[in-house]
């Protein structure tokens, strides 16, 4: 990449949201083989989406936060716990700190909404990444879209 300078921001407009969905398609659908019909769900309409973009506007990564009733409905749990999900970083942007910056931006958004903790379902190969950011795994491994996952949580 010619530039490694990037910013993260909440996706505020339709163009930002489309950029988020394009990153997810590239990473989850194309690269990992997740069926498109399960990658996008009804929670996308109510989620807070975060986008990382290179200074020239190229989308590098995305993630989303479910909070309140949406998080409780998805996780079956406490509405004071947010649900971080759909974290994706394009192949060319990996190793630049984009994923960690997105997680921190999502945590900041969770704090702004008064949440006490953030849960997520991590692909097992990414457990170390999330552990370095302060998340702790709990419960058994489970498949999601045919990919092994573990539940993780971090108190805010």
Protein backbone atom coordinates (compact mmCIF):
# COMPACT_ATOMS: atom_id res chain seq x y z
CA UNK A 1 0.00 0.00 0.00
CA UNK A 2 1.29 3.43 -0.84
CA UNK A 3 -0.16 4.99 2.31
CA UNK A 4 -0.71 3.48 5.72
CA UNK A 5 -2.42 6.55 7.15
CA UNK A 6 -6.08 5.95 7.91
CA UNK A 7 -8.94 7.13 10.08
CA UNK A 8 -11.88 5.38 11.70
CA UNK A 9 -15.34 6.89 11.89
CA UNK A 10 -18.93 5.98 12.52
CA UNK A 11 -20.65 5.28 9.20
CA UNK A 12 -23.03 8.20 9.02
CA UNK A 13 -24.33 8.16 5.45
CA UNK A 14 -25.38 5.63 2.80
CA UNK A 15 -21.98 5.78 1.05
CA UNK A 16 -20.18 4.88 4.30
CA UNK A 17 -22.58 2.01 4.95
CA UNK A 18 -22.08 0.70 1.40
CA UNK A 19 -18.31 0.83 1.98
CA UNK A 20 -18.79 -1.21 5.16
CA UNK A 21 -20.85 -3.81 3.29
CA UNK A 22 -18.29 -3.94 0.45
CA UNK A 23 -15.48 -4.73 2.92
CA UNK A 24 -17.61 -7.43 4.53
CA UNK A 25 -18.36 -8.95 1.13
CA UNK A 26 -14.65 -8.97 0.20
CA UNK A 27 -13.55 -10.55 3.49
CA UNK A 28 -16.40 -12.82 4.54
CA UNK A 29 -18.19 -13.77 1.32
CA UNK A 30 -15.34 -13.84 -1.21
CA UNK A 31 -12.32 -14.69 0.96
CA UNK A 32 -13.92 -16.91 3.63
CA UNK A 33 -16.82 -18.35 1.65
CA UNK A 34 -19.63 -17.22 3.95
CA UNK A 35 -22.91 -17.37 2.02
CA UNK A 36 -24.02 -13.83 1.18
CA UNK A 37 -27.57 -14.54 2.36
CA UNK A 38 -26.35 -15.08 5.94
CA UNK A 39 -23.65 -12.37 5.97
CA UNK A 40 -26.19 -9.56 5.87
CA UNK A 41 -29.01 -9.65 8.40
CA UNK A 42 -31.80 -7.59 9.89
CA UNK A 43 -29.44 -6.26 12.57
CA UNK A 44 -27.56 -4.26 9.92
CA UNK A 45 -30.46 -1.78 9.83
CA UNK A 46 -30.17 -0.97 13.55
CA UNK A 47 -26.44 -1.45 14.15
CA UNK A 48 -23.87 1.26 14.55
CA UNK A 49 -21.32 0.63 11.80
CA UNK A 50 -17.70 1.80 12.03
CA UNK A 51 -15.50 2.27 8.97
CA UNK A 52 -11.73 2.59 8.57
CA UNK A 53 -10.60 4.43 5.45
CA UNK A 54 -7.21 5.27 4.01
CA UNK A 55 -6.56 8.98 3.53
CA UNK A 56 -7.43 8.61 -0.17
CA UNK A 57 -10.86 7.24 0.78
CA UNK A 58 -10.13 3.53 0.18
CA UNK A 59 -12.14 1.41 2.67
CA UNK A 60 -9.82 -0.74 4.81
CA UNK A 61 -12.07 -2.27 7.43
CA UNK A 62 -15.37 -2.26 9.24
CA UNK A 63 -17.18 -3.54 12.28
CA UNK A 64 -20.56 -3.05 13.90
CA UNK A 65 -22.01 -2.58 17.35
CA UNK A 66 -25.42 -3.80 18.41
CA UNK A 67 -26.73 -2.16 21.57
CA UNK A 68 -29.90 -2.04 23.62
CA UNK A 69 -32.75 -4.29 22.52
CA UNK A 70 -30.91 -5.44 19.37
CA UNK A 71 -27.91 -6.66 21.37
CA UNK A 72 -30.11 -8.34 23.96
CA UNK A 73 -32.16 -10.03 21.24
CA UNK A 74 -29.07 -11.28 19.42
CA UNK A 75 -27.20 -12.48 22.50
CA UNK A 76 -30.19 -13.36 24.66
CA UNK A 77 -28.60 -11.32 27.40
CA UNK A 78 -28.23 -8.08 29.23
CA UNK A 79 -29.11 -4.89 27.29
CA UNK A 80 -26.16 -3.20 29.09
CA UNK A 81 -23.81 -5.46 27.09
CA UNK A 82 -23.08 -4.51 23.50
CA UNK A 83 -22.38 -6.99 20.74
CA UNK A 84 -19.34 -6.32 18.53
CA UNK A 85 -19.56 -8.12 15.23
CA UNK A 86 -18.74 -8.29 11.55
CA UNK A 87 -15.20 -7.04 12.17
CA UNK A 88 -13.39 -7.28 8.85
CA UNK A 89 -10.12 -5.86 7.53
CA UNK A 90 -9.14 -6.11 3.87
CA UNK A 91 -6.20 -8.35 3.11
CA UNK A 92 -3.98 -5.46 2.00
CA UNK A 93 -4.65 -3.55 5.24
CA UNK A 94 -3.87 -6.37 7.68
CA UNK A 95 -0.96 -5.75 9.99
CA UNK A 96 -1.47 -1.96 10.01
CA UNK A 97 -3.44 -1.82 13.27
CA UNK A 98 -6.77 -1.29 11.51
CA UNK A 99 -8.55 -4.10 13.36
CA UNK A 100 -7.45 -2.85 16.78
CA UNK A 101 -8.44 0.73 15.85
CA UNK A 102 -11.89 -0.49 14.80
CA UNK A 103 -12.37 -2.45 18.03
CA UNK A 104 -11.38 0.60 20.10
CA UNK A 105 -13.76 2.83 18.09
CA UNK A 106 -16.59 0.36 18.69
CA UNK A 107 -15.75 0.23 22.40
CA UNK A 108 -15.80 4.05 22.52
CA UNK A 109 -19.24 4.03 20.90
CA UNK A 110 -20.38 1.43 23.45
CA UNK A 111 -19.14 3.60 26.34
CA UNK A 112 -20.93 6.63 24.87
CA UNK A 113 -24.14 4.59 25.01
CA UNK A 114 -23.57 3.65 28.66
CA UNK A 115 -22.76 -0.01 28.05
CA UNK A 116 -20.84 -1.92 30.72
CA UNK A 117 -19.21 -4.55 28.50
CA UNK A 118 -18.87 -5.77 24.93
CA UNK A 119 -19.38 -9.36 23.81
CA UNK A 120 -18.30 -10.85 20.50
CA UNK A 121 -18.08 -14.15 18.68
CA UNK A 122 -14.49 -14.56 17.51
CA UNK A 123 -13.29 -16.90 14.83
CA UNK A 124 -10.93 -19.18 16.75
CA UNK A 125 -7.91 -18.13 14.67
CA UNK A 126 -8.51 -14.56 15.93
CA UNK A 127 -8.66 -15.37 19.66
CA UNK A 128 -5.13 -14.07 20.27
CA UNK A 129 -5.95 -10.77 18.55
CA UNK A 130 -8.93 -10.17 20.83
CA UNK A 131 -7.08 -11.41 23.94
CA UNK A 132 -4.39 -8.78 23.29
CA UNK A 133 -7.20 -6.19 23.33
CA UNK A 134 -8.43 -7.38 26.73
CA UNK A 135 -11.17 -9.84 25.75
CA UNK A 136 -11.61 -13.15 27.58
CA UNK A 137 -13.07 -16.25 25.96
CA UNK A 138 -15.89 -18.13 27.67
CA UNK A 139 -18.04 -21.13 26.82
CA UNK A 140 -17.40 -23.88 24.30
CA UNK A 141 -16.30 -23.56 20.70
CA UNK A 142 -19.21 -23.44 18.24
CA UNK A 143 -19.63 -23.22 14.47
CA UNK A 144 -20.95 -20.09 12.78
CA UNK A 145 -21.24 -20.16 8.98
CA UNK A 146 -19.14 -23.33 9.15
CA UNK A 147 -16.26 -21.51 10.88
CA UNK A 148 -15.21 -22.35 14.49
CA UNK A 149 -15.92 -19.51 16.95
CA UNK A 150 -15.71 -18.73 20.70
CA UNK A 151 -17.66 -16.18 22.68
CA UNK A 152 -15.55 -13.43 24.27
CA UNK A 153 -16.24 -10.45 26.55
CA UNK A 154 -14.47 -7.33 27.74
CA UNK A 155 -15.70 -5.08 30.54
CA UNK A 156 -15.57 -1.40 29.70
